[in-house]
């Protein structure tokens, strides 16, 4: 399991929501658990965009 250190659950929830709304991650629900997966193509496009500046 990956630990995020001292980040509060509310702050983590906020950042996951922002990443999801931006299309950078997707969620997969299995029962009560929620798994988040990165969308590599979206991150790739973002990195290419910021390299232009």
N, C-alpha and C. Protein backbone atom coordinates (compact mmCIF):
# COMPACT_ATOMS: atom_id res chain seq x y z
N UNK A 1 0.84 -1.18 0.00
CA UNK A 1 0.00 0.00 0.00
C UNK A 1 0.88 1.24 0.00
N UNK A 2 0.45 2.25 -0.70
CA UNK A 2 1.19 3.50 -0.82
C UNK A 2 0.69 4.49 0.21
N UNK A 3 1.58 5.05 1.01
CA UNK A 3 1.21 6.04 2.02
C UNK A 3 1.57 7.43 1.53
N UNK A 4 0.70 8.39 1.82
CA UNK A 4 0.90 9.75 1.37
C UNK A 4 1.42 10.67 2.47
N UNK A 5 1.77 10.13 3.60
CA UNK A 5 2.33 10.95 4.66
C UNK A 5 1.28 11.66 5.47
N UNK A 6 1.48 12.93 5.68
CA UNK A 6 0.64 13.71 6.59
C UNK A 6 -0.53 14.43 5.91
N UNK A 7 -0.93 14.01 4.74
CA UNK A 7 -2.03 14.68 4.05
C UNK A 7 -3.36 14.29 4.69
N UNK A 8 -4.21 15.28 4.91
CA UNK A 8 -5.50 15.02 5.53
C UNK A 8 -6.45 14.37 4.52
N UNK A 9 -7.40 13.57 5.00
CA UNK A 9 -8.36 12.95 4.08
C UNK A 9 -9.14 13.97 3.24
N UNK A 10 -9.48 15.12 3.83
CA UNK A 10 -10.23 16.12 3.07
C UNK A 10 -9.38 16.73 1.96
N UNK A 11 -8.10 16.96 2.23
CA UNK A 11 -7.20 17.52 1.21
C UNK A 11 -6.98 16.50 0.10
N UNK A 12 -6.81 15.24 0.47
CA UNK A 12 -6.63 14.18 -0.52
C UNK A 12 -7.86 14.07 -1.41
N UNK A 13 -9.03 14.09 -0.79
CA UNK A 13 -10.28 14.00 -1.53
C UNK A 13 -10.41 15.15 -2.51
N UNK A 14 -10.06 16.36 -2.08
CA UNK A 14 -10.14 17.53 -2.95
C UNK A 14 -9.23 17.37 -4.17
N UNK A 15 -7.99 16.95 -3.94
CA UNK A 15 -7.04 16.82 -5.04
C UNK A 15 -7.43 15.68 -6.00
N UNK A 16 -7.94 14.58 -5.47
CA UNK A 16 -8.41 13.51 -6.34
C UNK A 16 -9.58 13.98 -7.19
N UNK A 17 -10.48 14.78 -6.61
CA UNK A 17 -11.61 15.32 -7.35
C UNK A 17 -11.12 16.22 -8.49
N UNK A 18 -10.15 17.08 -8.20
CA UNK A 18 -9.61 17.97 -9.23
C UNK A 18 -8.94 17.18 -10.35
N UNK A 19 -8.16 16.17 -10.00
CA UNK A 19 -7.50 15.34 -11.02
C UNK A 19 -8.52 14.59 -11.86
N UNK A 20 -9.58 14.10 -11.22
CA UNK A 20 -10.63 13.38 -11.95
C UNK A 20 -11.37 14.32 -12.90
N UNK A 21 -11.73 15.50 -12.42
CA UNK A 21 -12.44 16.47 -13.27
C UNK A 21 -11.56 16.94 -14.42
N UNK A 22 -10.24 16.97 -14.21
CA UNK A 22 -9.32 17.37 -15.27
C UNK A 22 -9.02 16.26 -16.26
N UNK A 23 -9.54 15.06 -15.98
CA UNK A 23 -9.34 13.94 -16.89
C UNK A 23 -8.01 13.23 -16.72
N UNK A 24 -7.30 13.49 -15.60
CA UNK A 24 -6.00 12.89 -15.38
C UNK A 24 -6.07 11.51 -14.71
N UNK A 25 -7.17 11.25 -14.01
CA UNK A 25 -7.34 9.95 -13.36
C UNK A 25 -8.77 9.46 -13.59
N UNK A 26 -8.96 8.18 -13.39
CA UNK A 26 -10.30 7.61 -13.41
C UNK A 26 -10.45 6.74 -12.18
N UNK A 27 -11.69 6.54 -11.76
CA UNK A 27 -11.90 5.72 -10.58
C UNK A 27 -12.61 4.44 -10.94
N UNK A 28 -12.33 3.43 -10.17
CA UNK A 28 -12.94 2.12 -10.34
C UNK A 28 -13.44 1.69 -8.97
N UNK A 29 -14.73 1.50 -8.83
CA UNK A 29 -15.32 1.12 -7.55
C UNK A 29 -15.49 -0.39 -7.48
N UNK A 30 -15.05 -0.95 -6.37
CA UNK A 30 -15.23 -2.37 -6.09
C UNK A 30 -15.76 -2.48 -4.67
N UNK A 31 -17.08 -2.63 -4.57
CA UNK A 31 -17.69 -2.65 -3.24
C UNK A 31 -17.56 -1.28 -2.60
N UNK A 32 -17.02 -1.24 -1.38
CA UNK A 32 -16.83 0.01 -0.68
C UNK A 32 -15.51 0.69 -1.03
N UNK A 33 -14.65 0.00 -1.75
CA UNK A 33 -13.34 0.54 -2.09
C UNK A 33 -13.38 1.29 -3.42
N UNK A 34 -12.56 2.32 -3.49
CA UNK A 34 -12.41 3.07 -4.73
C UNK A 34 -10.93 3.06 -5.09
N UNK A 35 -10.64 2.62 -6.30
CA UNK A 35 -9.27 2.60 -6.81
C UNK A 35 -9.15 3.69 -7.86
N UNK A 36 -8.04 4.41 -7.82
CA UNK A 36 -7.80 5.48 -8.79
C UNK A 36 -6.67 5.06 -9.71
N UNK A 37 -6.89 5.29 -11.00
CA UNK A 37 -5.89 4.93 -12.00
C UNK A 37 -5.53 6.16 -12.82
N UNK A 38 -4.26 6.33 -13.05
CA UNK A 38 -3.77 7.44 -13.85
C UNK A 38 -4.07 7.18 -15.33
N UNK A 39 -4.36 8.23 -16.06
CA UNK A 39 -4.55 8.15 -17.50
C UNK A 39 -3.27 8.66 -18.16
N UNK A 40 -2.35 7.75 -18.53
CA UNK A 40 -1.05 8.17 -19.06
C UNK A 40 -1.14 9.07 -20.28
N UNK A 41 -2.10 8.83 -21.15
CA UNK A 41 -2.22 9.65 -22.35
C UNK A 41 -2.53 11.11 -22.01
N UNK A 42 -3.33 11.33 -20.98
CA UNK A 42 -3.67 12.71 -20.56
C UNK A 42 -2.45 13.41 -19.97
N UNK A 43 -1.68 12.68 -19.16
CA UNK A 43 -0.46 13.25 -18.60
C UNK A 43 0.55 13.55 -19.71
N UNK A 44 0.63 12.66 -20.68
CA UNK A 44 1.56 12.86 -21.81
C UNK A 44 1.19 14.12 -22.58
N UNK A 45 -0.08 14.31 -22.86
CA UNK A 45 -0.53 15.50 -23.57
C UNK A 45 -0.23 16.76 -22.76
N UNK A 46 -0.42 16.70 -21.45
CA UNK A 46 -0.14 17.85 -20.59
C UNK A 46 1.35 18.18 -20.62
N UNK A 47 2.20 17.16 -20.51
CA UNK A 47 3.66 17.39 -20.52
C UNK A 47 4.09 17.99 -21.86
N UNK A 48 3.53 17.51 -22.95
CA UNK A 48 3.87 18.07 -24.26
C UNK A 48 3.44 19.52 -24.36
N UNK A 49 2.29 19.84 -23.79
CA UNK A 49 1.78 21.20 -23.81
C UNK A 49 2.70 22.15 -23.03
N UNK A 50 3.13 21.75 -21.85
CA UNK A 50 3.95 22.67 -21.05
C UNK A 50 5.38 22.77 -21.58
N UNK A 51 5.83 21.80 -22.35
CA UNK A 51 7.16 21.90 -22.97
C UNK A 51 7.24 23.02 -23.99
N UNK A 52 6.10 23.39 -24.53
CA UNK A 52 6.06 24.44 -25.54
C UNK A 52 6.34 25.81 -24.93
N UNK A 53 6.22 25.93 -23.61
CA UNK A 53 6.38 27.24 -22.95
C UNK A 53 7.63 27.30 -22.19
